[in-house]
Each structure stands twice: as C-alpha cells, then as structure tokens.
C-alpha cells in the first residue's frame, strides 16, 4: 500500500473509527507511524473489504484445497494467539465475522486465557484479526486468546520484549500446552535497531536523538537489547521441545522496514536511507525456532484469480544478523543465492544468517493475517495426528525443509512473482522453490496432510 499523505491517512482513520463505533464490527489493523500522528497511519483492508476482493475464508480454503466442512474432532486440540497491551477480541465482532464468512465457527470454543480481555487500541485490532483467522481456519479447535500484560509500554515500546519473555518463560510450565501458537506482533530486531543507531551517528545525529525518535515510532524498536532477544529465542527452543509449533508474522515492510518508511523530518530521512541500504530484519520471526509466515495475494485487479498467487507487496523477508542459518535450511538458501540474479549488494545482508520466511499465506491485511491463518491450518493437521495417536509436531523447521527437498511442490506451492524492496531500490526477488519473499510458498492441503499428518512418509531427525 502506498505511503499516503498525512491528511488522507487521518481521514481514513477517522472514517474507520466512526464505522467501528456505530457498527461494532469493522476490522482493520494499522501500519504503525509516529505516536504524534494520533494513530493515523495506513489502515489495512477491513474484513468486509477483503471479502469484496474475493479473499473470503471460503475462497481461501478452496484455493488451498481445504474442505469447507473440515473441523477438528479431538477434545485435546488447542491453539493460541498472544499479545500484550490492548490485545484481545470482541465477541460481537467475532459473531459478525462468523455470520458473514464462517458460519461453522464455534463461538464457544474461543476463550480468553486470562482476565485481560483487551480494549480499543492497535493491539486490540491485531487480536481481533488473529482470533478471526486462527478460529476460522482451525475450525473446531479450542482457541485461547492470551494477554498477560496490559502495561501501556508493552503496546508500542520497549516493555513489549519483557512481556514476551515473561509469557514465553511461564507458558512451558503449564500442565496443558497448545499444539500451535501464533504471534503476529513484533518489531525490528535489537540488532537492526543498533544498526540504525550506529549508522545514524555516522550521518551526524546523536545516539540520544535517534533512540528518542525510534521510541516515538509505533512498534519499531520494542526489544531492550540483543541479550533479551537471545533469551526469547531460547524460550522458543524450549517450547518446540515441549511440542508447541510456533508461527510468527514475517513483517509488513519487506526486507527494509518494520511496517513502512519513517516520517518526521531530517532524522526520518536519514533512517530511511539507512534502511534502504541494508536488510533490516524483524523479530521474533527471525528466531530459528519459529516458523516464519510471509504474505501472498492473488493476481488480478478487479477480479482476483486465486489460482495465480503472487507475493503480497509488503511481505517481510531476508536474513537475520543475529542468528545463523540452521543446518536444515542451508541447502535451500544456498540454491537461492547461487541461482538468483539481481540480489541486493552482498554487504547489505548476512547471507549466512537465518533466512525467512519459511512459508506464506494470504496477507491482504498484512502478515498478521497470514500467520494465524497458517497456524489454524496446522491445528487441523495436529488434530489429525492426535486422532491417530501421534504426538504434536513441535518445532517444524527440519521436517518442513526435508519435505520440500524430497517432494517439492506437494505440501506448498511456490510463488514466483514478487520482491521485498517495497519503496527501496533493491530487495530480494521471488523465484522457484524457497525464496526470502514467500518462503516455500502457500499451503496445499492434500500434500500438507500427507507429509505432516503422518510419520510414515517422512522420517526426520528433529534434534534442535
């Protein structure tokens, strides 16, 4: 979505707020901008808008080969979404979504995990979208909507990292764990923020003014430091060992931004130049223990062709500066780097870093839509496994890359059109097989169930 002038953004925001207040059912999620802009950043498409473009739950399931009436049947199937601050969901909005797009959605199976139910704010919008997607694509699975910290600092600033670490440290101690956890929220990684600061100092700004500017931006730098990021990464590893498959949104700013370019004078201009000169990864999706989910759309302008997927324009992707590439993805990533022309300058990214995303799904409302969507689909796979007496999958990375190497195109369909450059001059282009735009591509249910619903077809060493 193009970067709109301030007035247009403000009018769009006020219009959506008015609809929200009167109808109680309009869903949108904003791109984060300056706090001083009164949260007037670009709204993504509403659920009703995206359905007008053909992106209904039914149409998406049909595109992926998922039977419309497929529902979980095991009482132990459990999925979760999490966020702090105002994160939560509106029962009224979920009911409206059910009436409009997913009549089979069981409202009784969607529950709050804590006494924090959320209220109007950025994360509340995220929570509503997360809840709608995971419950409609993971039909019949009990869904927990979790908010473990309502502090304002967790909504848009550095308090977020500690809230996430506290949640991930507590979760493994529970007697009952979800088989699937989806995390839509995140920001630039600690390393990315350090890079912006160090390069900004070279350009003539002070560390103090850069830090203050970054903290004035919504959900841009929300982790205290690299040590905190490493501790969160270790917590993801433990969850995988406990049988939890974690999915994370790959970001909405291609390979250069958290959401969109900065605005606000000379310092914003400097940071935009730096962001375009380097790959600026986000976190937590770059954790090697998360399945990173990018975004796709469908070809066509007025009429969308679901048989011809393309990368969504903001799909986050690239290479981590903080974490090395795990062994299971090195072959696929090497094939991409050696076989792709028009790559960004080699000095601008870490070719030996953890590459992301791993897979993708429809993200016309951002990758906050695609991550819970894919998580819900995998919940149906988990349900199938539980009914067959098999354990949950836990950490998916090794199995995913081995399946795609042995049986390319069976579980996921490659998306070959797209680029992560957004408004910058360079980015990573899409290609056949794995790429840092949409990963292995979009789900294909028959192959997904065959390769992940049973352990007979794939014998994988899942040591992490």
Protein backbone atom coordinates (compact mmCIF):
# COMPACT_ATOMS: atom_id res chain seq x y z
CA UNK A 1 0.00 0.00 0.00
CA UNK A 2 1.49 3.40 -0.93
CA UNK A 3 2.52 5.81 1.80
CA UNK A 4 -0.40 8.25 1.99
CA UNK A 5 -0.25 11.96 2.83
CA UNK A 6 -0.98 12.80 6.45
CA UNK A 7 -4.45 14.26 5.81
CA UNK A 8 -5.63 11.29 3.78
CA UNK A 9 -4.38 8.89 6.44
CA UNK A 10 -6.11 10.92 9.14
CA UNK A 11 -9.42 10.98 7.29
CA UNK A 12 -9.26 7.24 6.61
CA UNK A 13 -8.56 6.54 10.26
CA UNK A 14 -11.42 8.77 11.47
CA UNK A 15 -13.79 7.14 8.97
CA UNK A 16 -12.86 3.65 10.16
CA UNK A 17 -13.19 4.71 13.80
CA UNK A 18 -16.67 6.06 13.11
CA UNK A 19 -17.72 2.81 11.44
CA UNK A 20 -16.24 0.83 14.30
CA UNK A 21 -18.18 2.84 16.87
CA UNK A 22 -21.50 2.56 15.06
CA UNK A 23 -21.31 -0.95 13.63
CA UNK A 24 -19.05 -2.62 16.17
CA UNK A 25 -17.75 -4.99 13.54
CA UNK A 26 -15.36 -3.27 11.14
CA UNK A 27 -11.93 -4.90 11.44
CA UNK A 28 -8.71 -3.23 10.43
CA UNK A 29 -5.12 -3.22 11.57
CA UNK A 30 -2.95 -0.15 11.19
CA UNK A 31 0.57 0.30 9.95
CA UNK A 32 2.48 1.98 12.76
CA UNK A 33 3.64 5.56 12.41
CA UNK A 34 4.56 8.32 14.81
CA UNK A 35 2.65 8.49 18.08
CA UNK A 36 2.16 12.19 17.40
CA UNK A 37 0.06 11.35 14.36
CA UNK A 38 -2.77 10.21 16.64
CA UNK A 39 -2.51 6.67 15.31
CA UNK A 40 -3.47 7.94 11.85
CA UNK A 41 -1.30 5.51 9.89
CA UNK A 42 -2.48 3.48 6.93
CA UNK A 43 -5.36 1.17 7.80
CA UNK A 44 -5.19 -2.20 6.14
CA UNK A 45 -8.18 -3.58 4.35
CA UNK A 46 -11.12 -4.44 6.55
CA UNK A 47 -12.52 -7.98 6.63
CA UNK A 48 -15.50 -6.74 4.67
CA UNK A 49 -13.21 -5.01 2.16
CA UNK A 50 -11.02 -8.04 1.66
CA UNK A 51 -14.08 -10.20 1.07
CA UNK A 52 -15.12 -7.80 -1.72
CA UNK A 53 -11.82 -8.59 -3.42
CA UNK A 54 -12.58 -12.31 -3.24
CA UNK A 55 -10.46 -13.06 -0.17
CA UNK A 56 -13.20 -14.73 1.85
CA UNK A 57 -12.49 -17.61 4.21
CA UNK A 58 -14.32 -19.93 1.84
CA UNK A 59 -12.39 -18.79 -1.23
CA UNK A 60 -9.04 -19.02 0.50
CA UNK A 61 -9.78 -22.53 1.74
CA UNK A 62 -10.82 -23.53 -1.76
CA UNK A 63 -7.55 -22.14 -3.16
CA UNK A 64 -5.60 -24.26 -0.67
CA UNK A 65 -7.70 -27.40 -1.23
CA UNK A 66 -9.10 -27.41 2.30
CA UNK A 67 -12.60 -28.95 2.54
CA UNK A 68 -15.05 -26.25 3.62
CA UNK A 69 -16.61 -28.51 6.24
CA UNK A 70 -13.36 -29.82 7.74
CA UNK A 71 -13.39 -29.41 11.52
CA UNK A 72 -11.28 -30.69 14.38
CA UNK A 73 -12.75 -33.50 16.43
CA UNK A 74 -10.22 -34.20 19.18
CA UNK A 75 -11.11 -32.63 22.52
CA UNK A 76 -7.42 -32.08 23.28
CA UNK A 77 -6.72 -29.95 20.21
CA UNK A 78 -5.65 -26.49 21.40
CA UNK A 79 -4.38 -23.36 19.64
CA UNK A 80 -3.37 -19.94 20.97
CA UNK A 81 -2.71 -16.35 19.96
CA UNK A 82 -0.92 -13.88 22.25
CA UNK A 83 -0.28 -10.19 22.63
CA UNK A 84 0.10 -7.58 25.40
CA UNK A 85 -1.28 -4.10 25.93
CA UNK A 86 -4.79 -3.75 24.49
CA UNK A 87 -4.65 -7.20 22.85
CA UNK A 88 -7.91 -9.15 22.97
CA UNK A 89 -11.00 -9.69 20.89
CA UNK A 90 -14.58 -8.52 20.61
CA UNK A 91 -17.22 -11.23 20.92
CA UNK A 92 -19.55 -9.03 18.88
CA UNK A 93 -17.01 -8.65 16.07
CA UNK A 94 -16.29 -12.37 16.06
CA UNK A 95 -20.01 -13.12 15.83
CA UNK A 96 -20.34 -10.70 12.89
CA UNK A 97 -17.35 -12.36 11.19
CA UNK A 98 -18.94 -15.78 11.75
CA UNK A 99 -22.24 -14.58 10.24
CA UNK A 100 -20.52 -13.02 7.22
CA UNK A 101 -17.80 -15.52 6.37
CA UNK A 102 -17.62 -18.61 8.54
CA UNK A 103 -20.98 -19.97 9.78
CA UNK A 104 -19.32 -23.13 11.14
CA UNK A 105 -17.14 -21.19 13.58
CA UNK A 106 -17.94 -22.37 17.12
CA UNK A 107 -18.00 -19.30 19.36
CA UNK A 108 -17.99 -21.47 22.48
CA UNK A 109 -14.55 -22.80 21.61
CA UNK A 110 -12.95 -19.34 21.59
CA UNK A 111 -11.89 -18.37 25.11
CA UNK A 112 -9.84 -15.80 26.99
CA UNK A 113 -6.69 -17.17 28.57
CA UNK A 114 -6.51 -14.54 31.34
CA UNK A 115 -8.70 -11.84 32.85
CA UNK A 116 -7.26 -9.34 30.34
CA UNK A 117 -9.81 -9.16 27.53
CA UNK A 118 -8.42 -6.16 25.70
CA UNK A 119 -9.89 -2.82 24.70
CA UNK A 120 -9.80 -0.48 21.72
CA UNK A 121 -6.24 0.13 20.52
CA UNK A 122 -3.72 -1.11 17.96
CA UNK A 123 -3.18 -4.47 19.62
CA UNK A 124 -6.93 -4.94 20.07
CA UNK A 125 -7.29 -4.74 16.31
CA UNK A 126 -4.45 -7.25 15.96
CA UNK A 127 -6.16 -9.51 18.48
CA UNK A 128 -9.45 -9.44 16.61
CA UNK A 129 -7.77 -10.32 13.32
CA UNK A 130 -5.69 -13.08 14.95
CA UNK A 131 -8.75 -14.58 16.60
CA UNK A 132 -10.84 -14.48 13.44
CA UNK A 133 -8.15 -16.11 11.31
CA UNK A 134 -6.99 -18.88 13.65
CA UNK A 135 -10.51 -19.88 14.69
CA UNK A 136 -11.90 -19.92 11.14
CA UNK A 137 -9.00 -21.85 9.61
CA UNK A 138 -8.61 -24.08 12.68
CA UNK A 139 -12.31 -24.87 12.84
CA UNK A 140 -13.38 -26.85 15.89
CA UNK A 141 -10.09 -26.35 17.74
CA UNK A 142 -10.30 -24.74 21.16
CA UNK A 143 -8.73 -21.28 20.83
CA UNK A 144 -7.09 -19.38 23.68
CA UNK A 145 -6.70 -15.61 23.28
CA UNK A 146 -3.95 -14.63 25.71
CA UNK A 147 -2.96 -11.22 27.10
CA UNK A 148 -0.54 -11.48 30.02
CA UNK A 149 0.49 -7.82 30.43
CA UNK A 150 -1.66 -4.72 29.91
CA UNK A 151 1.02 -2.09 30.59
CA UNK A 152 0.99 0.73 28.03
CA UNK A 153 4.73 0.28 27.47
CA UNK A 154 4.07 -3.18 26.05
CA UNK A 155 1.82 -1.80 23.32
CA UNK A 156 4.33 0.29 21.44
CA UNK A 157 7.66 0.46 23.26
CA UNK A 158 10.45 -1.49 24.90
CA UNK A 159 8.15 -3.02 27.50
CA UNK A 160 6.99 -5.43 24.80
CA UNK A 161 10.17 -7.51 24.85
CA UNK A 162 9.95 -8.18 28.59
CA UNK A 163 6.24 -9.00 28.33
CA UNK A 164 7.01 -11.55 25.60
CA UNK A 165 9.89 -13.05 27.57
CA UNK A 166 7.74 -13.36 30.70
CA UNK A 167 4.96 -15.06 28.75
CA UNK A 168 7.29 -17.48 26.98
CA UNK A 169 9.02 -18.33 30.25
CA UNK A 170 5.73 -19.07 32.00
CA UNK A 171 4.00 -20.98 29.20
CA UNK A 172 6.14 -24.16 29.26
CA UNK A 173 5.38 -24.63 32.96
CA UNK A 174 1.68 -25.18 32.26
CA UNK A 175 0.30 -28.69 32.52
CA UNK A 176 -1.63 -28.22 29.27
CA UNK A 177 0.08 -26.59 26.31
CA UNK A 178 -1.32 -25.57 22.92
CA UNK A 179 -0.06 -27.59 19.99
CA UNK A 180 0.04 -24.34 17.99
CA UNK A 181 0.92 -20.76 18.97
CA UNK A 182 0.68 -17.80 16.58
CA UNK A 183 2.49 -14.49 17.22
CA UNK A 184 1.57 -11.58 14.96
CA UNK A 185 3.24 -8.83 16.97
CA UNK A 186 6.90 -7.87 16.83
CA UNK A 187 9.26 -5.13 15.70
CA UNK A 188 12.71 -4.57 14.28
CA UNK A 189 15.24 -6.86 15.93
CA UNK A 190 17.60 -5.46 18.56
CA UNK A 191 20.49 -5.76 16.08
CA UNK A 192 18.51 -3.85 13.44
CA UNK A 193 17.86 -1.02 15.89
CA UNK A 194 21.54 -0.95 16.88
CA UNK A 195 22.45 -0.78 13.19
CA UNK A 196 20.14 2.17 12.59
CA UNK A 197 21.64 3.96 15.58
CA UNK A 198 25.29 3.34 14.67
CA UNK A 199 24.80 4.37 11.05
CA UNK A 200 22.71 7.34 12.11
CA UNK A 201 25.54 8.57 14.33
CA UNK A 202 27.88 8.37 11.34
CA UNK A 203 25.42 10.56 9.45
CA UNK A 204 25.65 13.29 12.09
CA UNK A 205 22.85 12.54 14.56
CA UNK A 206 23.38 11.82 18.24
CA UNK A 207 22.60 8.47 19.82
CA UNK A 208 20.14 10.15 22.19
CA UNK A 209 18.08 11.80 19.46
CA UNK A 210 17.99 8.62 17.38
CA UNK A 211 16.85 6.49 20.32
CA UNK A 212 14.22 9.03 21.27
CA UNK A 213 12.97 9.20 17.69
CA UNK A 214 12.77 5.41 17.37
CA UNK A 215 10.82 5.19 20.63
CA UNK A 216 8.44 7.86 19.33
CA UNK A 217 7.55 5.50 16.48
CA UNK A 218 4.88 2.87 16.96
CA UNK A 219 6.18 -0.65 17.46
CA UNK A 220 9.51 -0.13 15.71
CA UNK A 221 12.13 -0.96 18.37
CA UNK A 222 10.45 -2.97 21.14
CA UNK A 223 13.30 -5.13 22.45
CA UNK A 224 15.71 -3.81 25.08
CA UNK A 225 18.88 -5.38 23.72
CA UNK A 226 20.37 -8.39 21.96
CA UNK A 227 20.64 -10.35 25.19
CA UNK A 228 16.89 -10.14 25.67
CA UNK A 229 16.38 -11.33 22.11
CA UNK A 230 18.68 -14.32 22.73
CA UNK A 231 16.75 -15.23 25.87
CA UNK A 232 13.46 -15.08 23.97
CA UNK A 233 14.99 -17.28 21.27
CA UNK A 234 15.95 -19.88 23.91
CA UNK A 235 12.38 -19.83 25.20
CA UNK A 236 11.12 -20.65 21.69
CA UNK A 237 13.52 -23.59 21.57
CA UNK A 238 12.09 -24.94 24.82
CA UNK A 239 8.52 -24.60 23.54
CA UNK A 240 9.44 -26.61 20.46
CA UNK A 241 10.84 -29.36 22.67
CA UNK A 242 7.57 -29.33 24.61
CA UNK A 243 5.63 -29.99 21.39
CA UNK A 244 4.45 -26.46 20.58
CA UNK A 245 4.68 -25.30 16.95
CA UNK A 246 5.22 -21.53 16.95
CA UNK A 247 4.27 -19.40 13.95
CA UNK A 248 5.25 -15.75 13.52
CA UNK A 249 4.36 -12.97 11.09
CA UNK A 250 7.33 -12.13 8.85
CA UNK A 251 6.61 -8.39 8.94
CA UNK A 252 4.96 -5.90 6.61
CA UNK A 253 7.92 -3.82 5.44
CA UNK A 254 9.66 -6.14 3.00
CA UNK A 255 13.36 -6.51 3.84
CA UNK A 256 13.81 -2.89 4.94
CA UNK A 257 11.18 -1.75 7.44
CA UNK A 258 9.02 -2.92 10.29
CA UNK A 259 5.92 -1.60 8.51
CA UNK A 260 6.70 1.41 6.33
CA UNK A 261 9.22 4.23 5.88
CA UNK A 262 9.78 6.67 8.73
CA UNK A 263 8.30 10.17 8.67
CA UNK A 264 9.16 13.26 10.67
CA UNK A 265 11.98 15.39 9.28
CA UNK A 266 15.72 15.04 8.75
CA UNK A 267 16.27 12.15 11.15
CA UNK A 268 13.49 10.18 9.45
CA UNK A 269 15.09 10.83 6.06
CA UNK A 270 18.43 9.58 7.39
CA UNK A 271 16.92 6.41 8.84
CA UNK A 272 15.06 5.73 5.61
CA UNK A 273 18.32 5.93 3.65
CA UNK A 274 19.98 3.54 6.09
CA UNK A 275 17.00 1.17 5.98
CA UNK A 276 17.16 1.01 2.20
CA UNK A 277 20.93 0.49 2.24
CA UNK A 278 20.70 -2.60 4.45
CA UNK A 279 18.46 -5.56 5.13
CA UNK A 280 16.68 -4.63 8.39
CA UNK A 281 15.20 -7.85 9.85
CA UNK A 282 12.38 -8.05 12.37
CA UNK A 283 11.91 -10.26 15.42
CA UNK A 284 10.66 -12.72 16.70
CA UNK A 285 10.03 -14.17 13.24
CA UNK A 286 13.80 -14.49 12.64
CA UNK A 287 14.19 -16.92 15.53
CA UNK A 288 15.38 -20.25 14.10
CA UNK A 289 12.74 -21.95 16.27
CA UNK A 290 9.76 -20.15 14.76
CA UNK A 291 8.01 -20.99 11.51
CA UNK A 292 8.09 -17.60 9.81
CA UNK A 293 4.99 -16.81 7.73
CA UNK A 294 5.13 -14.33 4.86
CA UNK A 295 2.33 -12.94 2.73
CA UNK A 296 0.70 -13.63 -0.62
CA UNK A 297 -2.08 -12.12 -2.71
CA UNK A 298 -3.84 -13.16 -5.92
CA UNK A 299 -3.26 -11.89 -9.44
CA UNK A 300 -5.78 -9.53 -10.95
CA UNK A 301 -7.09 -6.04 -10.29
CA UNK A 302 -10.87 -6.05 -10.34
CA UNK A 303 -11.20 -9.83 -10.41
CA UNK A 304 -8.78 -11.88 -8.35
CA UNK A 305 -7.53 -15.20 -9.71
CA UNK A 306 -6.88 -17.47 -6.75
CA UNK A 307 -5.07 -19.95 -9.00
CA UNK A 308 -2.31 -17.41 -9.66
CA UNK A 309 -0.70 -16.40 -6.36
CA UNK A 310 1.78 -13.54 -6.12
CA UNK A 311 3.74 -12.16 -3.18
CA UNK A 312 1.92 -9.56 -1.12
CA UNK A 313 3.71 -6.24 -1.63
CA UNK A 314 4.83 -5.86 1.99
CA UNK A 315 5.78 -9.47 2.74
CA UNK A 316 8.70 -9.38 5.17
CA UNK A 317 11.77 -11.41 4.31
CA UNK A 318 15.53 -11.56 4.34
CA UNK A 319 18.34 -12.79 6.57
CA UNK A 320 18.96 -12.39 10.30
CA UNK A 321 22.02 -10.52 11.54
CA UNK A 322 21.74 -12.19 14.95
CA UNK A 323 21.13 -15.86 14.27
CA UNK A 324 22.99 -18.15 11.90
CA UNK A 325 21.18 -20.30 9.37
CA UNK A 326 20.10 -23.62 10.90
CA UNK A 327 21.51 -26.65 9.11
CA UNK A 328 18.14 -27.75 7.72
CA UNK A 329 17.73 -24.65 5.55
CA UNK A 330 21.27 -24.16 4.29
CA UNK A 331 20.85 -26.21 1.09
CA UNK A 332 17.67 -24.41 0.02
CA UNK A 333 19.08 -20.98 0.84
CA UNK A 334 22.34 -21.70 -0.95
CA UNK A 335 20.41 -22.75 -4.06
CA UNK A 336 18.53 -19.47 -3.98
CA UNK A 337 21.59 -17.28 -3.50
CA UNK A 338 23.60 -19.05 -6.19
CA UNK A 339 20.77 -19.24 -8.70
CA UNK A 340 19.31 -15.73 -8.35
CA UNK A 341 20.45 -12.61 -10.15
CA UNK A 342 19.65 -9.03 -9.13
CA UNK A 343 20.28 -9.62 -5.44
CA UNK A 344 20.98 -6.67 -3.11
CA UNK A 345 24.68 -5.85 -2.56
CA UNK A 346 26.36 -8.63 -0.59
CA UNK A 347 27.48 -6.16 2.08
CA UNK A 348 23.89 -5.18 2.82
CA UNK A 349 22.73 -8.50 4.27
CA UNK A 350 24.05 -11.52 6.16
CA UNK A 351 23.97 -14.37 3.64
CA UNK A 352 24.85 -16.88 6.38
CA UNK A 353 22.04 -15.77 8.68
CA UNK A 354 18.73 -17.45 9.43
CA UNK A 355 16.67 -16.88 6.30
CA UNK A 356 12.96 -16.03 6.43
CA UNK A 357 10.07 -16.50 5.80
CA UNK A 358 9.59 -20.26 5.69
CA UNK A 359 6.08 -20.36 4.19
CA UNK A 360 3.27 -17.93 3.34
CA UNK A 361 -0.46 -17.41 3.03
CA UNK A 362 -2.91 -14.68 2.04
CA UNK A 363 -1.94 -11.40 3.71
CA UNK A 364 -4.05 -8.66 2.17
CA UNK A 365 -4.45 -7.44 5.76
CA UNK A 366 -0.74 -7.91 6.45
CA UNK A 367 1.18 -10.87 7.77
CA UNK A 368 -0.86 -10.51 10.95
CA UNK A 369 -3.45 -12.26 8.80
CA UNK A 370 -1.26 -14.96 7.29
CA UNK A 371 0.42 -16.21 10.48
CA UNK A 372 -2.75 -17.10 12.42
CA UNK A 373 -4.25 -18.43 9.19
CA UNK A 374 -1.40 -20.91 8.70
CA UNK A 375 -1.42 -21.70 12.42
CA UNK A 376 -5.10 -22.64 12.19
CA UNK A 377 -4.43 -24.87 9.19
CA UNK A 378 -1.66 -26.67 11.07
CA UNK A 379 -4.01 -27.08 14.04
CA UNK A 380 -6.15 -29.29 11.78
CA UNK A 381 -3.01 -31.30 10.99
CA UNK A 382 -2.34 -31.62 14.74
CA UNK A 383 -5.91 -32.74 15.31
CA UNK A 384 -5.44 -35.46 12.71
CA UNK A 385 -2.25 -36.57 14.44
CA UNK A 386 -3.86 -36.68 17.86
CA UNK A 387 -6.72 -38.79 16.49
CA UNK A 388 -4.12 -41.18 15.05
CA UNK A 389 -2.34 -41.46 18.39
CA UNK A 390 0.65 -39.39 17.20
CA UNK A 391 2.37 -36.61 19.15
CA UNK A 392 2.21 -32.95 18.08
CA UNK A 393 4.91 -31.79 15.69
CA UNK A 394 6.64 -29.17 17.84
CA UNK A 395 9.49 -27.41 16.06
CA UNK A 396 8.65 -27.65 12.33
CA UNK A 397 11.82 -26.40 10.63
CA UNK A 398 13.77 -29.64 9.94
CA UNK A 399 10.70 -31.52 8.78
CA UNK A 400 9.44 -28.68 6.61
CA UNK A 401 12.69 -28.27 4.67
CA UNK A 402 13.20 -32.02 4.29
CA UNK A 403 9.66 -32.49 2.97
CA UNK A 404 10.14 -29.72 0.42
CA UNK A 405 13.53 -31.07 -0.67
CA UNK A 406 12.22 -34.59 -1.14
CA UNK A 407 8.79 -33.75 -2.51
CA UNK A 408 8.89 -30.22 -3.98
CA UNK A 409 5.53 -28.65 -4.69
CA UNK A 410 3.47 -31.23 -2.81
CA UNK A 411 2.84 -29.54 0.55
CA UNK A 412 3.41 -25.93 -0.56
CA UNK A 413 3.07 -24.19 -3.92
CA UNK A 414 5.96 -21.96 -4.95
CA UNK A 415 5.13 -18.29 -5.53
CA UNK A 416 7.45 -16.84 -8.15
CA UNK A 417 6.27 -13.23 -8.51
CA UNK A 418 7.29 -10.55 -6.01
CA UNK A 419 10.14 -8.65 -4.36
CA UNK A 420 10.94 -7.40 -0.85
CA UNK A 421 12.23 -3.99 -1.93
CA UNK A 422 8.98 -2.08 -1.18
CA UNK A 423 9.87 1.63 -1.68
CA UNK A 424 13.64 1.00 -1.81
CA UNK A 425 15.75 0.39 -4.92
CA UNK A 426 16.85 -3.16 -4.04
CA UNK A 427 15.26 -6.20 -2.49
CA UNK A 428 15.13 -9.97 -2.73
CA UNK A 429 13.22 -11.29 -5.76
CA UNK A 430 10.90 -14.28 -5.63
CA UNK A 431 11.79 -17.45 -7.51
CA UNK A 432 11.05 -21.13 -7.92
CA UNK A 433 11.46 -23.12 -4.72
CA UNK A 434 12.40 -21.36 -1.48
CA UNK A 435 12.94 -17.60 -1.56
CA UNK A 436 13.06 -14.79 1.05
CA UNK A 437 9.77 -13.30 -0.17
CA UNK A 438 7.24 -16.08 0.45
CA UNK A 439 9.47 -18.96 1.60
CA UNK A 440 8.30 -22.26 0.12
CA UNK A 441 5.01 -20.65 -0.88
CA UNK A 442 1.37 -21.22 0.02
CA UNK A 443 -0.29 -24.32 1.54
CA UNK A 444 -1.61 -27.27 -0.48
CA UNK A 445 -3.81 -29.19 1.94
CA UNK A 446 -3.67 -32.74 0.49
CA UNK A 447 0.14 -32.77 0.47
CA UNK A 448 0.34 -30.92 3.78
CA UNK A 449 -1.79 -33.54 5.49
CA UNK A 450 0.06 -36.42 3.82
CA UNK A 451 3.52 -35.21 4.84
CA UNK A 452 2.75 -33.73 8.26
CA UNK A 453 -0.29 -35.66 9.41
CA UNK A 454 1.59 -38.98 9.39
CA UNK A 455 5.10 -40.04 10.34
CA UNK A 456 5.28 -42.83 7.79
CA UNK A 457 6.18 -40.74 4.74
CA UNK A 458 8.88 -38.66 6.39
CA UNK A 459 11.49 -39.81 8.87
CA UNK A 460 13.17 -36.66 10.15
CA UNK A 461 15.81 -36.03 12.77
CA UNK A 462 14.16 -33.32 14.81
CA UNK A 463 17.05 -32.63 17.15
CA UNK A 464 17.27 -28.92 17.93
